[in-house]
N, C-alpha and C. Protein backbone atom coordinates (compact mmCIF):
# COMPACT_ATOMS: atom_id res chain seq x y z
N MET A 1 2.64 9.64 20.56
CA MET A 1 1.87 9.32 19.95
C MET A 1 1.23 9.98 18.94
N ALA A 2 1.14 11.02 19.47
CA ALA A 2 0.76 11.92 18.21
C ALA A 2 1.96 12.97 17.13
N ALA A 3 3.01 12.60 17.39
CA ALA A 3 4.44 12.60 16.86
C ALA A 3 4.25 11.34 16.09
N ARG A 4 4.07 10.34 16.43
CA ARG A 4 4.10 9.06 15.30
C ARG A 4 2.99 9.42 14.43
N LYS A 5 1.84 10.00 14.62
CA LYS A 5 0.73 9.79 13.86
C LYS A 5 0.85 10.95 12.68
N LYS A 6 1.80 11.97 13.02
CA LYS A 6 1.57 13.10 12.21
C LYS A 6 2.83 12.57 11.68
N LYS A 7 4.07 12.12 12.03
CA LYS A 7 4.97 11.67 11.20
C LYS A 7 4.39 10.76 9.86
N LYS A 8 3.45 9.84 10.43
CA LYS A 8 2.62 8.89 9.25
C LYS A 8 1.60 9.49 8.02
N GLU A 9 0.92 10.45 8.60
CA GLU A 9 0.40 11.64 7.82
C GLU A 9 1.37 12.50 6.78
N ASN A 10 2.52 12.51 6.95
CA ASN A 10 3.46 13.51 6.70
C ASN A 10 3.91 12.27 5.40
N ARG A 11 3.97 11.16 5.75
CA ARG A 11 4.32 9.56 4.81
C ARG A 11 3.61 9.49 3.90
N ILE A 12 1.86 9.25 3.77
CA ILE A 12 0.72 9.21 3.48
C ILE A 12 0.57 10.84 2.40
N LYS A 13 1.06 11.99 2.93
CA LYS A 13 1.11 12.89 2.01
C LYS A 13 1.90 12.96 1.19
N ASP A 14 3.77 12.25 1.69
CA ASP A 14 4.64 12.23 0.21
C ASP A 14 4.24 11.12 -0.71
N GLU A 15 3.49 10.07 -0.37
CA GLU A 15 3.37 9.12 -1.16
C GLU A 15 1.56 9.35 -2.19
N LYS A 16 1.44 10.20 -1.32
CA LYS A 16 0.41 10.78 -3.03
C LYS A 16 0.72 11.96 -3.54
N LYS A 17 1.66 12.53 -3.14
CA LYS A 17 2.20 13.51 -4.19
C LYS A 17 3.31 12.62 -5.18
N ARG A 18 3.94 11.52 -4.50
CA ARG A 18 4.68 10.81 -5.78
C ARG A 18 3.83 10.10 -6.49
N LEU A 19 2.73 9.74 -6.29
CA LEU A 19 1.91 8.87 -7.23
C LEU A 19 1.30 10.03 -8.25
N LYS A 20 0.52 11.13 -7.49
CA LYS A 20 -0.50 12.32 -8.12
C LYS A 20 0.55 12.34 -9.31
N GLU A 21 2.38 12.73 -9.00
CA GLU A 21 2.97 12.97 -10.46
C GLU A 21 3.06 12.37 -11.39
N ILE A 22 2.50 10.79 -10.84
CA ILE A 22 2.97 9.81 -12.13
C ILE A 22 1.72 10.26 -12.98
N PHE A 23 0.61 10.68 -12.26
CA PHE A 23 -0.70 10.95 -12.97
C PHE A 23 -0.73 12.20 -13.67
N ALA A 24 0.00 13.53 -13.37
CA ALA A 24 -0.40 14.44 -13.70
C ALA A 24 -0.58 14.73 -15.03
N GLU A 25 -0.40 14.29 -15.93
CA GLU A 25 -0.59 14.53 -17.84
C GLU A 25 -1.67 13.77 -17.99
N LEU A 26 -2.70 13.05 -17.08
CA LEU A 26 -3.64 12.63 -17.49
C LEU A 26 -4.69 13.72 -17.57
N GLU A 27 -5.64 13.78 -18.34
CA GLU A 27 -6.47 14.71 -18.70
C GLU A 27 -7.62 14.94 -17.59
N GLU A 28 -7.96 15.94 -17.28
CA GLU A 28 -8.56 16.61 -16.33
C GLU A 28 -9.59 15.88 -15.36
N ASN A 29 -10.63 14.88 -16.67
CA ASN A 29 -11.84 14.09 -16.00
C ASN A 29 -11.30 12.83 -15.39
N LYS A 30 -10.29 12.10 -16.01
CA LYS A 30 -9.69 11.11 -15.51
C LYS A 30 -8.84 11.57 -13.97
N ARG A 31 -7.96 12.38 -14.53
CA ARG A 31 -7.23 12.54 -13.14
C ARG A 31 -8.25 12.80 -11.83
N ASN A 32 -9.51 13.44 -12.12
CA ASN A 32 -10.78 13.72 -10.94
C ASN A 32 -11.23 11.86 -10.50
N LEU A 33 -11.00 11.04 -11.71
CA LEU A 33 -11.28 9.94 -11.06
C LEU A 33 -10.15 9.11 -10.19
N VAL A 34 -9.08 9.31 -10.84
CA VAL A 34 -7.82 8.67 -10.29
C VAL A 34 -7.50 9.19 -8.54
N THR A 35 -8.17 10.34 -8.18
CA THR A 35 -7.50 11.30 -6.96
C THR A 35 -8.07 10.15 -5.80
N PRO A 36 -9.29 9.83 -6.09
CA PRO A 36 -9.60 8.94 -4.92
C PRO A 36 -8.94 7.43 -4.75
N LEU A 37 -8.23 7.03 -5.87
CA LEU A 37 -7.60 5.76 -5.89
C LEU A 37 -5.98 5.99 -5.73
N ILE A 38 -5.66 7.43 -5.65
CA ILE A 38 -4.26 7.54 -5.39
C ILE A 38 -4.38 7.58 -4.02
N GLU A 39 -5.48 8.39 -3.62
CA GLU A 39 -5.58 8.49 -2.07
C GLU A 39 -5.39 7.02 -1.15
N LYS A 40 -6.11 6.15 -1.40
CA LYS A 40 -6.25 4.93 -1.06
C LYS A 40 -5.11 3.87 -1.21
N ALA A 41 -4.37 4.01 -2.24
CA ALA A 41 -2.88 3.52 -2.14
C ALA A 41 -2.29 4.22 -1.80
N ALA A 42 -1.85 5.26 -1.34
CA ALA A 42 -0.82 6.08 -0.52
C ALA A 42 -1.26 5.54 0.95
N PHE A 43 -2.60 5.57 1.48
CA PHE A 43 -3.31 5.12 2.77
C PHE A 43 -2.42 3.92 2.70
N MET A 44 -2.70 3.04 2.08
CA MET A 44 -2.35 1.21 2.29
C MET A 44 -1.00 1.21 1.70
N SER A 45 -0.06 1.86 1.27
CA SER A 45 1.03 2.01 0.81
C SER A 45 2.15 2.15 2.32
N ILE A 46 1.49 2.80 3.16
CA ILE A 46 2.32 3.59 4.48
C ILE A 46 1.82 2.20 5.30
N GLU A 47 0.51 1.97 5.17
CA GLU A 47 -0.34 0.82 6.39
C GLU A 47 0.70 0.02 6.50
N LEU A 48 0.98 -0.95 4.66
CA LEU A 48 1.57 -2.13 4.34
C LEU A 48 3.25 -2.04 5.03
N ASP A 49 3.72 -0.78 4.86
CA ASP A 49 5.02 -0.80 5.41
C ASP A 49 5.49 -0.62 6.84
N ASP A 50 4.21 -0.31 7.65
CA ASP A 50 4.21 -0.25 9.12
C ASP A 50 3.76 -1.63 9.81
N LEU A 51 2.81 -2.17 8.82
CA LEU A 51 2.49 -4.03 9.11
C LEU A 51 3.67 -4.93 9.03
N GLN A 52 4.44 -4.41 7.93
CA GLN A 52 5.58 -5.10 7.69
C GLN A 52 6.10 -4.93 8.50
N GLU A 53 6.75 -4.01 9.20
CA GLU A 53 7.67 -4.11 10.06
C GLU A 53 7.46 -4.51 11.81
N THR A 54 6.27 -4.46 11.74
CA THR A 54 5.55 -5.36 13.03
C THR A 54 5.83 -6.64 12.82
N ILE A 55 5.45 -7.00 11.56
CA ILE A 55 5.44 -8.50 11.74
C ILE A 55 7.16 -9.35 11.26
N GLU A 56 8.04 -8.23 11.12
CA GLU A 56 9.36 -8.22 10.60
C GLU A 56 9.81 -8.55 12.50
N GLN A 57 9.21 -7.71 13.16
CA GLN A 57 9.72 -7.64 14.44
C GLN A 57 9.26 -8.73 15.28
N GLU A 58 7.46 -9.04 15.41
CA GLU A 58 6.79 -9.81 16.23
C GLU A 58 6.40 -11.49 15.47
N GLY A 59 7.13 -11.10 14.22
CA GLY A 59 6.68 -12.60 13.57
C GLY A 59 5.14 -12.65 13.15
N TRP A 60 4.84 -13.41 12.21
CA TRP A 60 3.42 -13.73 11.50
C TRP A 60 2.68 -14.27 12.50
N THR A 61 2.69 -15.51 13.45
CA THR A 61 2.06 -15.85 14.41
C THR A 61 2.13 -15.51 15.64
N SER A 62 0.95 -15.50 16.33
CA SER A 62 0.91 -15.15 17.84
C SER A 62 0.41 -16.34 18.28
N GLU A 63 0.62 -16.46 19.70
CA GLU A 63 0.36 -17.55 20.47
C GLU A 63 -1.46 -17.27 21.37
N TYR A 64 -1.76 -17.83 21.63
CA TYR A 64 -3.66 -18.13 22.06
C TYR A 64 -3.76 -19.06 23.09
N LYS A 65 -4.88 -18.53 23.72
CA LYS A 65 -5.40 -19.46 24.96
C LYS A 65 -6.80 -19.48 25.18
N ASN A 66 -7.22 -20.72 24.83
CA ASN A 66 -8.43 -20.83 24.83
C ASN A 66 -9.36 -21.70 26.21
N GLY A 67 -9.45 -21.04 26.66
CA GLY A 67 -10.48 -21.47 28.16
C GLY A 67 -8.80 -22.21 28.74
N GLU A 68 -8.78 -22.96 29.91
CA GLU A 68 -8.26 -23.57 31.16
C GLU A 68 -6.44 -23.78 30.29
N ASN A 69 -7.40 -24.98 29.17
CA ASN A 69 -5.97 -25.77 29.19
C ASN A 69 -5.57 -25.65 27.65
N GLN A 70 -6.54 -24.81 26.82
CA GLN A 70 -5.87 -25.12 25.50
C GLN A 70 -5.31 -23.75 25.02
N TYR A 71 -3.95 -24.25 24.76
CA TYR A 71 -2.89 -23.22 23.87
C TYR A 71 -2.49 -23.38 22.06
N GLY A 72 -2.06 -22.51 21.70
CA GLY A 72 -1.80 -22.55 20.33
C GLY A 72 -0.96 -21.37 19.35
N THR A 73 -0.65 -21.74 18.39
CA THR A 73 -0.35 -20.32 17.32
C THR A 73 -1.28 -20.23 16.63
N LYS A 74 -1.54 -19.23 15.96
CA LYS A 74 -2.39 -18.76 15.34
C LYS A 74 -1.63 -17.52 14.08
N LYS A 75 -2.35 -17.33 13.06
CA LYS A 75 -1.52 -16.37 12.31
C LYS A 75 -1.78 -14.71 13.13
N SER A 76 -1.11 -14.12 12.92
CA SER A 76 -1.46 -13.14 13.95
C SER A 76 -2.19 -11.97 13.36
N PRO A 77 -3.16 -10.87 13.98
CA PRO A 77 -4.05 -10.06 13.43
C PRO A 77 -2.99 -9.21 12.39
N GLU A 78 -1.85 -8.49 12.82
CA GLU A 78 -1.07 -8.33 11.73
C GLU A 78 -0.91 -8.90 10.39
N ALA A 79 -0.80 -9.99 10.88
CA ALA A 79 -0.48 -10.64 9.81
C ALA A 79 -1.59 -10.95 8.68
N GLU A 80 -2.87 -11.05 9.18
CA GLU A 80 -3.76 -11.15 8.81
C GLU A 80 -4.42 -9.96 7.82
N THR A 81 -4.30 -8.87 8.67
CA THR A 81 -4.60 -7.34 8.24
C THR A 81 -3.54 -7.36 6.85
N TYR A 82 -2.40 -7.48 7.11
CA TYR A 82 -1.27 -7.35 5.93
C TYR A 82 -1.54 -7.96 4.59
N ILE A 83 -2.18 -9.21 4.66
CA ILE A 83 -2.39 -10.11 3.81
C ILE A 83 -4.02 -9.59 2.84
N ALA A 84 -4.57 -9.21 3.85
CA ALA A 84 -5.92 -8.73 3.30
C ALA A 84 -6.09 -7.35 2.46
N LEU A 85 -4.97 -6.67 3.50
CA LEU A 85 -4.33 -4.79 2.34
C LEU A 85 -3.65 -4.92 1.36
N SER A 86 -2.65 -5.98 1.23
CA SER A 86 -1.83 -6.42 0.40
C SER A 86 -2.86 -6.54 -1.02
N LYS A 87 -3.94 -7.62 -0.67
CA LYS A 87 -4.57 -7.95 -1.90
C LYS A 87 -5.50 -7.02 -2.30
N ASN A 88 -6.00 -5.60 -1.72
CA ASN A 88 -6.69 -4.28 -2.04
C ASN A 88 -5.57 -3.67 -2.55
N TYR A 89 -4.58 -3.60 -1.96
CA TYR A 89 -3.71 -2.41 -2.77
C TYR A 89 -3.24 -3.25 -4.07
N ALA A 90 -2.73 -4.34 -4.37
CA ALA A 90 -2.64 -4.88 -5.68
C ALA A 90 -3.74 -4.27 -6.51
N ALA A 91 -4.92 -4.51 -6.48
CA ALA A 91 -6.17 -4.15 -7.02
C ALA A 91 -6.30 -2.61 -6.99
N VAL A 92 -6.07 -1.97 -6.52
CA VAL A 92 -5.97 -0.40 -6.77
C VAL A 92 -4.88 -0.16 -7.43
N ILE A 93 -3.58 -0.68 -7.35
CA ILE A 93 -2.35 -0.54 -8.20
C ILE A 93 -2.65 -0.95 -9.65
N LYS A 94 -3.36 -1.94 -9.99
CA LYS A 94 -3.69 -2.71 -10.72
C LYS A 94 -4.50 -1.76 -11.84
N GLN A 95 -5.82 -0.90 -11.14
CA GLN A 95 -6.67 0.03 -11.66
C GLN A 95 -5.86 1.35 -11.95
N LEU A 96 -5.08 1.48 -11.19
CA LEU A 96 -4.51 3.10 -11.61
C LEU A 96 -3.54 2.48 -12.56
N THR A 97 -2.80 1.96 -12.69
CA THR A 97 -1.57 1.07 -13.84
C THR A 97 -2.75 1.48 -15.31
N GLU A 98 -3.63 0.64 -15.13
CA GLU A 98 -4.63 0.50 -16.48
C GLU A 98 -4.95 2.01 -17.02
N LEU A 99 -4.97 2.91 -16.09
CA LEU A 99 -5.59 4.36 -16.19
C LEU A 99 -4.30 5.49 -16.56
N VAL A 100 -2.99 4.78 -16.38
CA VAL A 100 -1.97 5.25 -17.46
C VAL A 100 -1.86 5.33 -18.97
N PRO A 101 -1.67 6.26 -19.57
CA PRO A 101 -1.84 5.97 -21.06
C PRO A 101 -0.99 5.18 -21.39
N ALA A 102 -1.33 4.48 -22.45
CA ALA A 102 -0.61 3.12 -23.30
C ALA A 102 1.00 3.39 -23.53
N ALA A 103 0.74 4.78 -24.38
CA ALA A 103 2.56 5.49 -24.45
C ALA A 103 3.49 5.49 -23.41
N LYS A 104 2.59 6.11 -22.03
CA LYS A 104 3.66 6.05 -20.98
C LYS A 104 4.01 5.08 -20.51
N ARG A 105 3.34 3.86 -20.60
CA ARG A 105 2.99 2.37 -19.52
C ARG A 105 4.63 1.71 -20.68
N LYS A 106 4.48 1.98 -21.92
CA LYS A 106 5.64 1.39 -22.83
C LYS A 106 6.73 1.82 -22.15
N ALA A 107 7.18 3.30 -22.45
CA ALA A 107 7.94 4.11 -21.94
C ALA A 107 8.52 3.94 -20.71
N SER A 108 7.77 3.97 -19.97
CA SER A 108 8.41 3.17 -18.44
C SER A 108 9.24 1.88 -18.46
N ARG A 109 8.38 1.04 -19.14
CA ARG A 109 8.94 -0.76 -18.97
C ARG A 109 10.28 -0.37 -19.58
N LEU A 110 10.42 0.46 -20.33
CA LEU A 110 11.74 0.31 -21.62
C LEU A 110 12.61 0.75 -20.87
N ALA A 111 12.67 1.87 -19.90
CA ALA A 111 13.28 2.79 -19.16
C ALA A 111 13.52 1.75 -18.05
N ALA A 112 12.77 1.49 -17.28
CA ALA A 112 12.98 0.15 -16.25
C ALA A 112 13.82 -0.69 -16.41
N LEU A 113 13.92 -1.32 -18.21
CA LEU A 113 15.04 -2.25 -18.87
C LEU A 113 16.02 -1.09 -18.99
N ARG A 114 16.27 -0.38 -19.20
CA ARG A 114 17.47 0.16 -19.64
C ARG A 114 18.29 0.66 -17.96
N ASP A 115 17.48 0.54 -16.98
CA ASP A 115 17.60 0.94 -15.83
C ASP A 115 18.92 -0.62 -14.90
N GLU A 116 18.13 -1.36 -15.53
CA GLU A 116 18.70 -2.37 -14.76
C GLU A 116 20.11 -2.56 -15.16
């Protein structure tokens, strides 16, 4: 369990590093504003990956039993968490994207089209 936690911490650290490189050219005060968003985005990204893996293995639904004779299926707790977290992650990424200088955004879109 401790090894898995350490591995997750390393994955989060790597994602933070990747995101910080994207925003390295921002002026210092903007970079200070972006840092907490980067940390949240990195955490959410890794958690989403882990939740996705669990959902792929166990599915989107889970069975439940209420009382003696009431059975059924419902959205799994992992699926509920994944849906909520993915919405929050999208909002944070949108905020981060809006802070990237316009010239760099245009260049990266153009580069992305060239790479396809």
